[in-house]
Protein backbone atom coordinates (compact mmCIF):
# COMPACT_ATOMS: atom_id res chain seq x y z
CA MET A 1 0.00 0.00 0.00
CA ALA A 2 1.30 3.44 -0.93
CA SER A 3 1.66 6.30 1.50
CA ILE A 4 1.70 10.00 0.62
CA SER A 5 3.04 12.72 2.87
CA VAL A 6 2.96 16.45 2.15
CA ASP A 7 5.41 18.74 3.91
CA ASP A 8 3.29 21.78 4.81
CA PHE A 9 6.43 23.89 5.20
CA PHE A 10 7.20 23.61 1.48
CA CYS A 11 3.69 23.24 0.00
CA LYS A 12 2.41 26.51 -1.45
CA GLY A 13 -0.99 25.18 -2.48
CA CYS A 14 -0.48 25.57 -6.22
CA GLY A 15 -2.77 22.61 -6.98
CA LEU A 16 -0.58 20.97 -9.62
CA CYS A 17 -0.67 17.70 -7.69
CA VAL A 18 -4.47 17.85 -7.59
CA ASP A 19 -4.61 18.08 -11.39
CA ALA A 20 -1.92 15.41 -11.87
CA CYS A 21 -3.50 12.69 -9.72
CA PRO A 22 -5.11 10.04 -11.96
CA GLU A 23 -7.18 8.73 -9.03
CA HIS A 24 -8.47 12.23 -8.13
CA ILE A 25 -7.61 11.80 -4.44
CA MET A 26 -5.43 14.89 -3.95
CA ALA A 27 -7.06 18.11 -2.77
CA LEU A 28 -6.22 21.43 -1.16
CA ASP A 29 -7.18 21.69 2.50
CA HIS A 30 -9.30 24.84 2.68
CA ASP A 31 -9.74 24.38 6.44
CA LYS A 32 -6.00 24.70 7.11
CA ILE A 33 -3.57 27.55 6.51
CA THR A 34 0.19 27.09 6.74
CA ALA A 35 2.57 29.52 8.42
CA LYS A 36 3.23 31.01 4.98
CA GLY A 37 -0.50 31.55 4.39
CA TYR A 38 -1.21 28.73 1.93
CA HIS A 39 -3.81 25.97 1.84
CA PRO A 40 -1.69 22.78 1.71
CA ALA A 41 -2.42 19.72 -0.37
CA TYR A 42 -3.46 16.43 1.17
CA CYS A 43 -4.59 12.96 0.12
CA THR A 44 -8.31 12.41 0.62
CA ASP A 45 -8.18 8.60 0.41
CA LEU A 46 -4.89 6.83 1.13
CA ASP A 47 -6.46 3.42 0.42
CA ALA A 48 -7.16 4.47 -3.17
CA CYS A 49 -3.59 5.65 -3.79
CA THR A 50 -1.76 3.53 -6.37
CA GLY A 51 1.67 4.98 -5.59
CA CYS A 52 2.16 6.28 -9.13
CA ALA A 53 3.92 9.41 -7.77
CA SER A 54 2.38 11.72 -10.37
CA CYS A 55 1.67 14.19 -7.59
CA ALA A 56 5.26 14.19 -6.37
CA THR A 57 6.60 14.48 -9.92
CA MET A 58 4.47 17.55 -10.64
CA CYS A 59 5.24 19.31 -7.34
CA PRO A 60 7.58 22.24 -8.09
CA ASP A 61 8.54 22.58 -4.42
CA VAL A 62 9.30 18.88 -3.81
CA ALA A 63 6.83 18.91 -0.92
CA ILE A 64 5.32 15.48 -1.60
CA THR A 65 6.85 12.13 -0.70
CA VAL A 66 5.36 8.87 -1.96
CA GLU A 67 6.37 5.61 -0.30
CA ARG A 68 5.45 2.28 -1.87
């Protein structure tokens, strides 16, 4: 089973990972604001994650780690 972690310190909420996810399980957390003032990304359903790492590949800030 794959595991996704997003480092809120680096995530600027650009949403590229949301668009890149083929399973449509990445989203921006509009209930949370980072210290830099951004809404960070998060995985809505870890069980549905295939570990393809499309989200991590698209992240310009290298804020996403995918473990398989």
